[in-house]
Amino acid sequence: METTASPKCAIVDTRWGGVPARVAALNDVTVRRKLEQTMHDAETRSQETYKRNQSFFSNVNHDLRTPLTHIIGFSEMMKNERLGPMGTDRYKEYASDIYSSGTVLLDMIEDLLGIAEAEMHEIDLTDEICNLGQLAEIAVASQRQHAAEEGVSIEVDCPDRLPGLRGDARRLRQGLFRLIAEAIHCAHRGSTIRLTLGEDSRGIHVRLNEVRDPKVIQMELDALPDFETIDDPFVSAEDSSAPREESLALSLTRKVMELHGGSLDIVRARKHTPDSKMSIDLNFPANRVIR
């Protein structure tokens, strides 16, 4: 038996059924090598894109935070008159407005970066046993002053024996915080925001709804003209009982829920129906319940 070979072909002299024969084996790896090179190039481009995105969000974080921090810090000094009286009360009011607007804008930036981080799949959830009732209390406590300034009260109704939840406590607290912030923005002055936690066979659920006196609602409906502005993106949802589906706050909360395998559902108050009310439901799946 004699064998000769080339880079792409191997030839073997042998016998086939008692008759001398020559067998040629072709070995062309051109296609495989091209495929490997294409996959390598695609992986390289993916890594470069990832690095650019990381650099971009890091720079945005720094470039936006730095001037905002200065604005908030200097306006706080001015409104508190730390270096002496400002002389005119209106200037003090302006400084207070600048401080409030800067704080709101900083929260919006936090939400944007949080959503962008989640969309890039850069969030690694920390699986720990969370006390959802305690996280809700912390989120509510941090918003009570804001709610009081808006003429809104907040209540938490949580059963004593609510099971634990497997999840990322920091992300959950962030999502609850932004949920309450959006609810305060949408709630009417004089109303109560009630946060109710519970459990059933489907898992743990959290419901946030606005409680108002139906008589007050009817008086408002009789006194005000009928404007349909809920779906107008250029009209604020403030005092409307109409949470904004795609607001930064609820978009971040929805992303946190999706990361935990849950969902966020919104019900808006219906016009001319005093008994209807705003409600936002958070539903966590049963497989995250810890007993």
C-alpha atoms as a PDB file:
ATOM      1  CA  MET A   1       0.000   0.000   0.000  1.00  0.00           C
ATOM      2  CA  GLU A   2       1.401   3.350  -0.999  1.00  0.00           C
ATOM      3  CA  THR A   3       0.224   6.703   0.288  1.00  0.00           C
ATOM      4  CA  THR A   4       0.883  10.144  -1.156  1.00  0.00           C
ATOM      5  CA  ALA A   5      -0.497  13.368   0.285  1.00  0.00           C
ATOM      6  CA  SER A   6      -0.951  17.032  -0.501  1.00  0.00           C
ATOM      7  CA  PRO A   7      -2.319  19.825   1.741  1.00  0.00           C
ATOM      8  CA  LYS A   8      -5.870  19.208   0.478  1.00  0.00           C
ATOM      9  CA  CYS A   9      -5.756  15.600  -0.808  1.00  0.00           C
ATOM     10  CA  ALA A  10      -4.551  12.208   0.455  1.00  0.00           C
ATOM     11  CA  ILE A  11      -4.186   9.333  -2.115  1.00  0.00           C
ATOM     12  CA  VAL A  12      -3.939   5.679  -1.036  1.00  0.00           C
ATOM     13  CA  ASP A  13      -3.041   2.764  -3.355  1.00  0.00           C
ATOM     14  CA  THR A  14      -4.908  -0.359  -2.196  1.00  0.00           C
ATOM     15  CA  ARG A  15      -6.953  -3.256  -3.508  1.00  0.00           C
ATOM     16  CA  TRP A  16     -10.729  -3.332  -3.894  1.00  0.00           C
ATOM     17  CA  GLY A  17     -12.279  -6.771  -4.410  1.00  0.00           C
ATOM     18  CA  GLY A  18      -8.929  -8.185  -5.412  1.00  0.00           C
ATOM     19  CA  VAL A  19      -8.421  -5.469  -8.002  1.00  0.00           C
ATOM     20  CA  PRO A  20      -5.757  -2.759  -7.589  1.00  0.00           C
ATOM     21  CA  ALA A  21      -7.430   0.563  -6.683  1.00  0.00           C
ATOM     22  CA  ARG A  22      -6.484   4.064  -5.734  1.00  0.00           C
ATOM     23  CA  VAL A  23      -8.554   5.957  -3.101  1.00  0.00           C
ATOM     24  CA  ALA A  24      -8.359   9.727  -2.884  1.00  0.00           C
ATOM     25  CA  ALA A  25      -9.495  11.611   0.246  1.00  0.00           C
ATOM     26  CA  LEU A  26     -10.083  15.307  -0.256  1.00  0.00           C
ATOM     27  CA  ASN A  27      -9.582  17.552   2.747  1.00  0.00           C
ATOM     28  CA  ASP A  28     -10.444  21.199   1.924  1.00  0.00           C
ATOM     29  CA  VAL A  29     -10.606  23.245   5.142  1.00  0.00           C
ATOM     30  CA  THR A  30     -11.040  26.604   3.411  1.00  0.00           C
ATOM     31  CA  VAL A  31     -14.744  26.915   4.312  1.00  0.00           C
ATOM     32  CA  ARG A  32     -14.149  25.887   7.931  1.00  0.00           C
ATOM     33  CA  ARG A  33     -11.319  28.362   8.303  1.00  0.00           C
ATOM     34  CA  LYS A  34     -13.413  31.148   6.794  1.00  0.00           C
ATOM     35  CA  LEU A  35     -16.230  30.328   9.217  1.00  0.00           C
ATOM     36  CA  GLU A  36     -13.850  30.343  12.169  1.00  0.00           C
ATOM     37  CA  GLN A  37     -12.442  33.697  11.064  1.00  0.00           C
ATOM     38  CA  THR A  38     -15.930  35.147  10.671  1.00  0.00           C
ATOM     39  CA  MET A  39     -16.910  33.987  14.158  1.00  0.00           C
ATOM     40  CA  HIS A  40     -13.691  35.404  15.588  1.00  0.00           C
ATOM     41  CA  ASP A  41     -14.277  38.765  13.880  1.00  0.00           C
ATOM     42  CA  ALA A  42     -17.870  38.889  15.132  1.00  0.00           C
ATOM     43  CA  GLU A  43     -16.746  38.160  18.693  1.00  0.00           C
ATOM     44  CA  THR A  44     -14.083  40.875  18.451  1.00  0.00           C
ATOM     45  CA  ARG A  45     -16.643  43.416  17.217  1.00  0.00           C
ATOM     46  CA  SER A  46     -19.038  42.411  19.997  1.00  0.00           C
ATOM     47  CA  GLN A  47     -16.355  42.939  22.625  1.00  0.00           C
ATOM     48  CA  GLU A  48     -15.443  46.315  21.130  1.00  0.00           C
ATOM     49  CA  THR A  49     -19.100  47.383  21.134  1.00  0.00           C
ATOM     50  CA  TYR A  50     -19.449  46.262  24.743  1.00  0.00           C
ATOM     51  CA  LYS A  51     -16.373  48.247  25.773  1.00  0.00           C
ATOM     52  CA  ARG A  52     -17.628  51.355  23.939  1.00  0.00           C
ATOM     53  CA  ASN A  53     -21.023  51.073  25.632  1.00  0.00           C
ATOM     54  CA  GLN A  54     -19.386  50.669  29.017  1.00  0.00           C
ATOM     55  CA  SER A  55     -17.186  53.684  28.388  1.00  0.00           C
ATOM     56  CA  PHE A  56     -20.120  55.733  27.096  1.00  0.00           C
ATOM     57  CA  PHE A  57     -22.337  55.131  30.125  1.00  0.00           C
ATOM     58  CA  SER A  58     -19.442  55.673  32.485  1.00  0.00           C
ATOM     59  CA  ASN A  59     -18.686  59.029  30.846  1.00  0.00           C
ATOM     60  CA  VAL A  60     -22.367  60.018  30.784  1.00  0.00           C
ATOM     61  CA  ASN A  61     -22.645  59.150  34.453  1.00  0.00           C
ATOM     62  CA  HIS A  62     -19.670  61.342  35.310  1.00  0.00           C
ATOM     63  CA  ASP A  63     -20.415  64.196  32.897  1.00  0.00           C
ATOM     64  CA  LEU A  64     -24.021  64.590  34.062  1.00  0.00           C
ATOM     65  CA  ARG A  65     -23.485  64.001  37.749  1.00  0.00           C
ATOM     66  CA  THR A  66     -20.623  66.456  38.168  1.00  0.00           C
ATOM     67  CA  PRO A  67     -22.413  69.681  37.119  1.00  0.00           C
ATOM     68  CA  LEU A  68     -25.666  68.531  38.742  1.00  0.00           C
ATOM     69  CA  THR A  69     -23.891  67.930  42.028  1.00  0.00           C
ATOM     70  CA  HIS A  70     -22.511  71.473  41.868  1.00  0.00           C
ATOM     71  CA  ILE A  71     -25.932  72.931  41.050  1.00  0.00           C
ATOM     72  CA  ILE A  72     -27.587  71.078  43.908  1.00  0.00           C
ATOM     73  CA  GLY A  73     -24.809  71.918  46.367  1.00  0.00           C
ATOM     74  CA  PHE A  74     -24.630  75.651  45.581  1.00  0.00           C
ATOM     75  CA  SER A  75     -28.420  76.056  45.460  1.00  0.00           C
ATOM     76  CA  GLU A  76     -28.684  74.336  48.850  1.00  0.00           C
ATOM     77  CA  MET A  77     -26.177  76.823  50.293  1.00  0.00           C
ATOM     78  CA  MET A  78     -28.159  79.711  48.822  1.00  0.00           C
ATOM     79  CA  LYS A  79     -31.611  78.578  49.969  1.00  0.00           C
ATOM     80  CA  ASN A  80     -30.279  77.929  53.483  1.00  0.00           C
ATOM     81  CA  GLU A  81     -28.400  81.283  53.428  1.00  0.00           C
ATOM     82  CA  ARG A  82     -25.265  79.707  54.848  1.00  0.00           C
ATOM     83  CA  LEU A  83     -23.085  82.639  53.799  1.00  0.00           C
ATOM     84  CA  GLY A  84     -25.542  85.284  54.935  1.00  0.00           C
ATOM     85  CA  PRO A  85     -28.989  86.611  53.967  1.00  0.00           C
ATOM     86  CA  MET A  86     -29.807  86.843  50.262  1.00  0.00           C
ATOM     87  CA  GLY A  87     -31.630  90.140  50.642  1.00  0.00           C
ATOM     88  CA  THR A  88     -34.712  89.270  48.594  1.00  0.00           C
ATOM     89  CA  ASP A  89     -37.127  86.499  49.500  1.00  0.00           C
ATOM     90  CA  ARG A  90     -37.829  85.750  45.855  1.00  0.00           C
ATOM     91  CA  TYR A  91     -34.179  84.866  45.267  1.00  0.00           C
ATOM     92  CA  LYS A  92     -34.422  82.380  48.111  1.00  0.00           C
ATOM     93  CA  GLU A  93     -37.477  80.836  46.471  1.00  0.00           C
ATOM     94  CA  TYR A  94     -35.608  80.586  43.176  1.00  0.00           C
ATOM     95  CA  ALA A  95     -32.698  78.860  44.897  1.00  0.00           C
ATOM     96  CA  SER A  96     -35.136  76.386  46.465  1.00  0.00           C
ATOM     97  CA  ASP A  97     -36.681  75.716  43.041  1.00  0.00           C
ATOM     98  CA  ILE A  98     -33.243  75.160  41.505  1.00  0.00           C
ATOM     99  CA  TYR A  99     -32.384  72.722  44.288  1.00  0.00           C
ATOM    100  CA  SER A 100     -35.640  70.780  43.833  1.00  0.00           C
ATOM    101  CA  SER A 101     -35.296  70.670  40.051  1.00  0.00           C
ATOM    102  CA  GLY A 102     -31.685  69.523  40.279  1.00  0.00           C
ATOM    103  CA  THR A 103     -32.628  66.750  42.690  1.00  0.00           C
ATOM    104  CA  VAL A 104     -35.437  65.574  40.395  1.00  0.00           C
ATOM    105  CA  LEU A 105     -33.109  65.639  37.397  1.00  0.00           C
ATOM    106  CA  LEU A 106     -30.518  63.599  39.298  1.00  0.00           C
ATOM    107  CA  ASP A 107     -33.190  60.990  40.076  1.00  0.00           C
ATOM    108  CA  MET A 108     -34.105  60.875  36.377  1.00  0.00           C
ATOM    109  CA  ILE A 109     -30.479  60.297  35.433  1.00  0.00           C
ATOM    110  CA  GLU A 110     -30.300  57.476  37.980  1.00  0.00           C
ATOM    111  CA  ASP A 111     -33.372  55.902  36.370  1.00  0.00           C
ATOM    112  CA  LEU A 112     -31.995  56.280  32.837  1.00  0.00           C
ATOM    113  CA  LEU A 113     -28.692  54.699  33.763  1.00  0.00           C
ATOM    114  CA  GLY A 114     -30.486  51.927  35.648  1.00  0.00           C
ATOM    115  CA  ILE A 115     -32.649  51.114  32.614  1.00  0.00           C
ATOM    116  CA  ALA A 116     -29.653  51.259  30.274  1.00  0.00           C
ATOM    117  CA  GLU A 117     -27.706  48.955  32.577  1.00  0.00           C
ATOM    118  CA  ALA A 118     -30.572  46.474  32.618  1.00  0.00           C
ATOM    119  CA  GLU A 119     -31.026  46.614  28.838  1.00  0.00           C
ATOM    120  CA  MET A 120     -27.337  45.777  28.427  1.00  0.00           C
ATOM    121  CA  HIS A 121     -27.896  42.718  30.648  1.00  0.00           C
ATOM    122  CA  GLU A 122     -25.229  44.024  32.987  1.00  0.00           C
ATOM    123  CA  ILE A 123     -27.304  43.444  36.107  1.00  0.00           C
ATOM    124  CA  ASP A 124     -26.399  40.324  38.038  1.00  0.00           C
ATOM    125  CA  LEU A 125     -29.146  39.755  40.572  1.00  0.00           C
ATOM    126  CA  THR A 126     -28.035  38.871  44.066  1.00  0.00           C
ATOM    127  CA  ASP A 127     -30.205  35.988  45.208  1.00  0.00           C
ATOM    128  CA  GLU A 128     -30.898  36.553  48.881  1.00  0.00           C
ATOM    129  CA  ILE A 129     -33.893  36.088  51.150  1.00  0.00           C
ATOM    130  CA  CYS A 130     -35.657  39.469  51.203  1.00  0.00           C
ATOM    131  CA  ASN A 131     -38.303  40.786  53.572  1.00  0.00           C
ATOM    132  CA  LEU A 132     -40.519  42.565  51.036  1.00  0.00           C
ATOM    133  CA  GLY A 133     -42.626  44.203  53.755  1.00  0.00           C
ATOM    134  CA  GLN A 134     -39.523  45.713  55.320  1.00  0.00           C
ATOM    135  CA  LEU A 135     -38.263  46.936  51.935  1.00  0.00           C
ATOM    136  CA  ALA A 136     -41.653  48.571  51.302  1.00  0.00           C
ATOM    137  CA  GLU A 137     -41.512  50.314  54.694  1.00  0.00           C
ATOM    138  CA  ILE A 138     -38.030  51.655  53.921  1.00  0.00           C
ATOM    139  CA  ALA A 139     -39.132  52.931  50.492  1.00  0.00           C
ATOM    140  CA  VAL A 140     -42.231  54.580  51.997  1.00  0.00           C
ATOM    141  CA  ALA A 141     -40.276  56.160  54.866  1.00  0.00           C
ATOM    142  CA  SER A 142     -37.858  57.758  52.403  1.00  0.00           C
ATOM    143  CA  GLN A 143     -40.789  59.303  50.490  1.00  0.00           C
ATOM    144  CA  ARG A 144     -42.972  60.513  53.364  1.00  0.00           C
ATOM    145  CA  GLN A 145     -41.594  64.045  53.381  1.00  0.00           C
ATOM    146  CA  HIS A 146     -42.027  64.334  49.612  1.00  0.00           C
ATOM    147  CA  ALA A 147     -45.576  63.021  49.938  1.00  0.00           C
ATOM    148  CA  ALA A 148     -46.373  65.493  52.724  1.00  0.00           C
ATOM    149  CA  GLU A 149     -45.132  68.364  50.579  1.00  0.00           C
ATOM    150  CA  GLU A 150     -47.513  67.196  47.827  1.00  0.00           C
ATOM    151  CA  GLY A 151     -50.420  66.885  50.272  1.00  0.00           C
ATOM    152  CA  VAL A 152     -50.502  63.081  50.010  1.00  0.00           C
ATOM    153  CA  SER A 153     -50.355  60.476  52.783  1.00  0.00           C
ATOM    154  CA  ILE A 154     -48.964  56.935  52.465  1.00  0.00           C
ATOM    155  CA  GLU A 155     -50.035  53.751  54.248  1.00  0.00           C
ATOM    156  CA  VAL A 156     -48.514  50.246  54.191  1.00  0.00           C
ATOM    157  CA  ASP A 157     -50.648  47.160  54.802  1.00  0.00           C
ATOM    158  CA  CYS A 158     -48.499  44.031  55.148  1.00  0.00           C
ATOM    159  CA  PRO A 159     -49.428  40.753  56.888  1.00  0.00           C
ATOM    160  CA  ASP A 160     -47.228  39.702  59.801  1.00  0.00           C
ATOM    161  CA  ARG A 161     -46.440  36.312  58.255  1.00  0.00           C
ATOM    162  CA  LEU A 162     -45.639  37.296  54.693  1.00  0.00           C
ATOM    163  CA  PRO A 163     -43.125  34.739  53.308  1.00  0.00           C
ATOM    164  CA  GLY A 164     -39.647  35.724  52.239  1.00  0.00           C
ATOM    165  CA  LEU A 165     -38.804  36.537  48.638  1.00  0.00           C
ATOM    166  CA  ARG A 166     -35.714  35.322  46.809  1.00  0.00           C
ATOM    167  CA  GLY A 167     -34.295  38.360  45.049  1.00  0.00           C
ATOM    168  CA  ASP A 168     -31.971  41.353  44.978  1.00  0.00           C
ATOM    169  CA  ALA A 169     -32.886  43.569  47.944  1.00  0.00           C
ATOM    170  CA  ARG A 170     -31.158  46.678  46.589  1.00  0.00           C
ATOM    171  CA  ARG A 171     -32.879  46.442  43.203  1.00  0.00           C
ATOM    172  CA  LEU A 172     -36.243  45.718  44.791  1.00  0.00           C
ATOM    173  CA  ARG A 173     -35.903  48.698  47.117  1.00  0.00           C
ATOM    174  CA  GLN A 174     -34.973  50.882  44.145  1.00  0.00           C
ATOM    175  CA  GLY A 175     -37.995  49.680  42.164  1.00  0.00           C
ATOM    176  CA  LEU A 176     -40.392  50.272  45.077  1.00  0.00           C
ATOM    177  CA  PHE A 177     -38.921  53.723  45.666  1.00  0.00           C
ATOM    178  CA  ARG A 178     -39.477  54.791  42.060  1.00  0.00           C
ATOM    179  CA  LEU A 179     -42.956  53.231  42.046  1.00  0.00           C
ATOM    180  CA  ILE A 180     -43.989  55.332  45.046  1.00  0.00           C
ATOM    181  CA  ALA A 181     -42.409  58.452  43.546  1.00  0.00           C
ATOM    182  CA  GLU A 182     -44.504  58.073  40.390  1.00  0.00           C
ATOM    183  CA  ALA A 183     -47.647  57.431  42.444  1.00  0.00           C
ATOM    184  CA  ILE A 184     -47.075  60.605  44.474  1.00  0.00           C
ATOM    185  CA  HIS A 185     -46.625  62.535  41.229  1.00  0.00           C
ATOM    186  CA  CYS A 186     -49.958  61.240  39.903  1.00  0.00           C
ATOM    187  CA  ALA A 187     -51.999  61.340  43.113  1.00  0.00           C
ATOM    188  CA  HIS A 188     -54.378  64.184  43.948  1.00  0.00           C
ATOM    189  CA  ARG A 189     -53.758  66.429  46.928  1.00  0.00           C
ATOM    190  CA  GLY A 190     -55.614  65.167  49.958  1.00  0.00           C
ATOM    191  CA  SER A 191     -55.610  61.561  48.800  1.00  0.00           C
ATOM    192  CA  THR A 192     -54.001  58.514  50.405  1.00  0.00           C
ATOM    193  CA  ILE A 193     -51.638  56.119  48.660  1.00  0.00           C
ATOM    194  CA  ARG A 194     -52.071  52.626  50.075  1.00  0.00           C
ATOM    195  CA  LEU A 195     -49.435  49.944  49.547  1.00  0.00           C
ATOM    196  CA  THR A 196     -50.913  46.474  50.174  1.00  0.00           C
ATOM    197  CA  LEU A 197     -48.803  43.308  50.233  1.00  0.00           C
ATOM    198  CA  GLY A 198     -50.173  39.778  50.142  1.00  0.00           C
ATOM    199  CA  GLU A 199     -49.676  36.209  48.958  1.00  0.00           C
ATOM    200  CA  ASP A 200     -51.707  33.635  47.059  1.00  0.00           C
ATOM    201  CA  SER A 201     -51.055  30.472  45.051  1.00  0.00           C
ATOM    202  CA  ARG A 202     -49.486  32.503  42.216  1.00  0.00           C
ATOM    203  CA  GLY A 203     -46.887  34.163  44.440  1.00  0.00           C
ATOM    204  CA  ILE A 204     -46.449  37.460  46.295  1.00  0.00           C
ATOM    205  CA  HIS A 205     -48.243  40.541  45.043  1.00  0.00           C
ATOM    206  CA  VAL A 206     -47.992  44.238  45.866  1.00  0.00           C
ATOM    207  CA  ARG A 207     -50.820  46.617  45.026  1.00  0.00           C
ATOM    208  CA  LEU A 208     -50.507  50.392  45.150  1.00  0.00           C
ATOM    209  CA  ASN A 209     -53.728  52.344  44.854  1.00  0.00           C
ATOM    210  CA  GLU A 210     -55.030  55.835  45.512  1.00  0.00           C
ATOM    211  CA  VAL A 211     -57.859  56.276  48.003  1.00  0.00           C
ATOM    212  CA  ARG A 212     -60.050  59.379  47.595  1.00  0.00           C
ATOM    213  CA  ASP A 213     -63.354  60.654  48.862  1.00  0.00           C
ATOM    214  CA  PRO A 214     -65.922  60.016  46.046  1.00  0.00           C
ATOM    215  CA  LYS A 215     -67.742  63.247  46.968  1.00  0.00           C
ATOM    216  CA  VAL A 216     -64.597  65.269  46.340  1.00  0.00           C
ATOM    217  CA  ILE A 217     -64.091  63.513  43.005  1.00  0.00           C
ATOM    218  CA  GLN A 218     -67.634  64.310  41.906  1.00  0.00           C
ATOM    219  CA  MET A 219     -67.251  67.958  42.910  1.00  0.00           C
ATOM    220  CA  GLU A 220     -64.088  68.187  40.789  1.00  0.00           C
ATOM    221  CA  LEU A 221     -65.800  66.563  37.816  1.00  0.00           C
ATOM    222  CA  ASP A 222     -68.705  69.005  38.053  1.00  0.00           C
ATOM    223  CA  ALA A 223     -66.423  72.024  38.391  1.00  0.00           C
ATOM    224  CA  LEU A 224     -63.782  71.303  35.743  1.00  0.00           C
ATOM    225  CA  PRO A 225     -64.128  71.098  31.944  1.00  0.00           C
ATOM    226  CA  ASP A 226     -63.624  67.709  30.325  1.00  0.00           C
ATOM    227  CA  PHE A 227     -60.114  67.579  28.865  1.00  0.00           C
ATOM    228  CA  GLU A 228     -58.758  64.330  27.435  1.00  0.00           C
ATOM    229  CA  THR A 229     -55.041  64.681  28.116  1.00  0.00           C
ATOM    230  CA  ILE A 230     -54.034  61.307  29.568  1.00  0.00           C
ATOM    231  CA  ASP A 231     -52.328  60.043  26.414  1.00  0.00           C
ATOM    232  CA  ASP A 232     -50.749  63.347  25.401  1.00  0.00           C
ATOM    233  CA  PRO A 233     -46.973  62.967  25.908  1.00  0.00           C
ATOM    234  CA  PHE A 234     -46.603  66.734  26.322  1.00  0.00           C
ATOM    235  CA  VAL A 235     -49.039  66.965  29.234  1.00  0.00           C
ATOM    236  CA  SER A 236     -47.903  66.160  32.768  1.00  0.00           C
ATOM    237  CA  ALA A 237     -49.569  63.294  34.600  1.00  0.00           C
ATOM    238  CA  GLU A 238     -49.455  65.300  37.818  1.00  0.00           C
ATOM    239  CA  ASP A 239     -52.695  65.085  39.848  1.00  0.00           C
ATOM    240  CA  SER A 240     -54.289  62.943  37.125  1.00  0.00           C
ATOM    241  CA  SER A 241     -54.547  59.477  38.745  1.00  0.00           C
ATOM    242  CA  ALA A 242     -53.057  58.307  35.443  1.00  0.00           C
ATOM    243  CA  PRO A 243     -49.611  56.705  35.913  1.00  0.00           C
ATOM    244  CA  ARG A 244     -47.476  57.054  32.812  1.00  0.00           C
ATOM    245  CA  GLU A 245     -46.859  53.638  31.256  1.00  0.00           C
ATOM    246  CA  GLU A 246     -43.485  54.630  29.804  1.00  0.00           C
ATOM    247  CA  SER A 247     -42.318  57.035  32.494  1.00  0.00           C
ATOM    248  CA  LEU A 248     -38.718  56.644  33.612  1.00  0.00           C
ATOM    249  CA  ALA A 249     -39.813  55.627  37.103  1.00  0.00           C
ATOM    250  CA  LEU A 250     -42.228  52.887  36.050  1.00  0.00           C
ATOM    251  CA  SER A 251     -39.938  51.713  33.233  1.00  0.00           C
ATOM    252  CA  LEU A 252     -37.228  51.089  35.814  1.00  0.00           C
ATOM    253  CA  THR A 253     -39.666  49.389  38.206  1.00  0.00           C
ATOM    254  CA  ARG A 254     -40.987  47.200  35.368  1.00  0.00           C
ATOM    255  CA  LYS A 255     -37.422  46.200  34.451  1.00  0.00           C
ATOM    256  CA  VAL A 256     -36.710  45.245  38.069  1.00  0.00           C
ATOM    257  CA  MET A 257     -39.870  43.104  38.059  1.00  0.00           C
ATOM    258  CA  GLU A 258     -38.902  41.421  34.775  1.00  0.00           C
ATOM    259  CA  LEU A 259     -35.460  40.609  36.162  1.00  0.00           C
ATOM    260  CA  HIS A 260     -37.244  38.799  39.010  1.00  0.00           C
ATOM    261  CA  GLY A 261     -39.600  36.985  36.625  1.00  0.00           C
ATOM    262  CA  GLY A 262     -42.538  39.161  37.679  1.00  0.00           C
ATOM    263  CA  SER A 263     -44.817  41.729  36.072  1.00  0.00           C
ATOM    264  CA  LEU A 264     -46.142  45.264  36.529  1.00  0.00           C
ATOM    265  CA  ASP A 265     -49.738  46.152  35.608  1.00  0.00           C
ATOM    266  CA  ILE A 266     -51.373  49.583  35.648  1.00  0.00           C
ATOM    267  CA  VAL A 267     -55.032  50.565  36.014  1.00  0.00           C
ATOM    268  CA  ARG A 268     -55.889  54.225  35.542  1.00  0.00           C
ATOM    269  CA  ALA A 269     -58.828  55.976  37.161  1.00  0.00           C
ATOM    270  CA  ARG A 270     -61.731  56.354  34.700  1.00  0.00           C
ATOM    271  CA  LYS A 271     -63.217  59.744  34.028  1.00  0.00           C
ATOM    272  CA  HIS A 272     -66.727  60.438  35.370  1.00  0.00           C
ATOM    273  CA  THR A 273     -66.529  57.295  37.552  1.00  0.00           C
ATOM    274  CA  PRO A 274     -66.052  58.339  41.189  1.00  0.00           C
ATOM    275  CA  ASP A 275     -65.597  54.728  42.345  1.00  0.00           C
ATOM    276  CA  SER A 276     -62.714  53.996  39.965  1.00  0.00           C
ATOM    277  CA  LYS A 277     -59.179  54.536  41.178  1.00  0.00           C
ATOM    278  CA  MET A 278     -55.576  54.364  40.137  1.00  0.00           C
ATOM    279  CA  SER A 279     -53.805  51.115  40.971  1.00  0.00           C
ATOM    280  CA  ILE A 280     -50.452  49.566  40.126  1.00  0.00           C
ATOM    281  CA  ASP A 281     -49.885  45.838  40.676  1.00  0.00           C
ATOM    282  CA  LEU A 282     -46.539  44.110  41.134  1.00  0.00           C
ATOM    283  CA  ASN A 283     -46.693  40.313  40.864  1.00  0.00           C
ATOM    284  CA  PHE A 284     -43.788  38.068  41.904  1.00  0.00           C
ATOM    285  CA  PRO A 285     -43.858  34.409  40.774  1.00  0.00           C
ATOM    286  CA  ALA A 286     -44.372  31.541  43.224  1.00  0.00           C
ATOM    287  CA  ASN A 287     -40.933  30.076  42.486  1.00  0.00           C
ATOM    288  CA  ARG A 288     -39.353  33.070  44.265  1.00  0.00           C
ATOM    289  CA  VAL A 289     -41.350  32.634  47.455  1.00  0.00           C
ATOM    290  CA  ILE A 290     -39.284  31.353  50.408  1.00  0.00           C
ATOM    291  CA  ARG A 291     -41.075  29.684  53.328  1.00  0.00           C
END
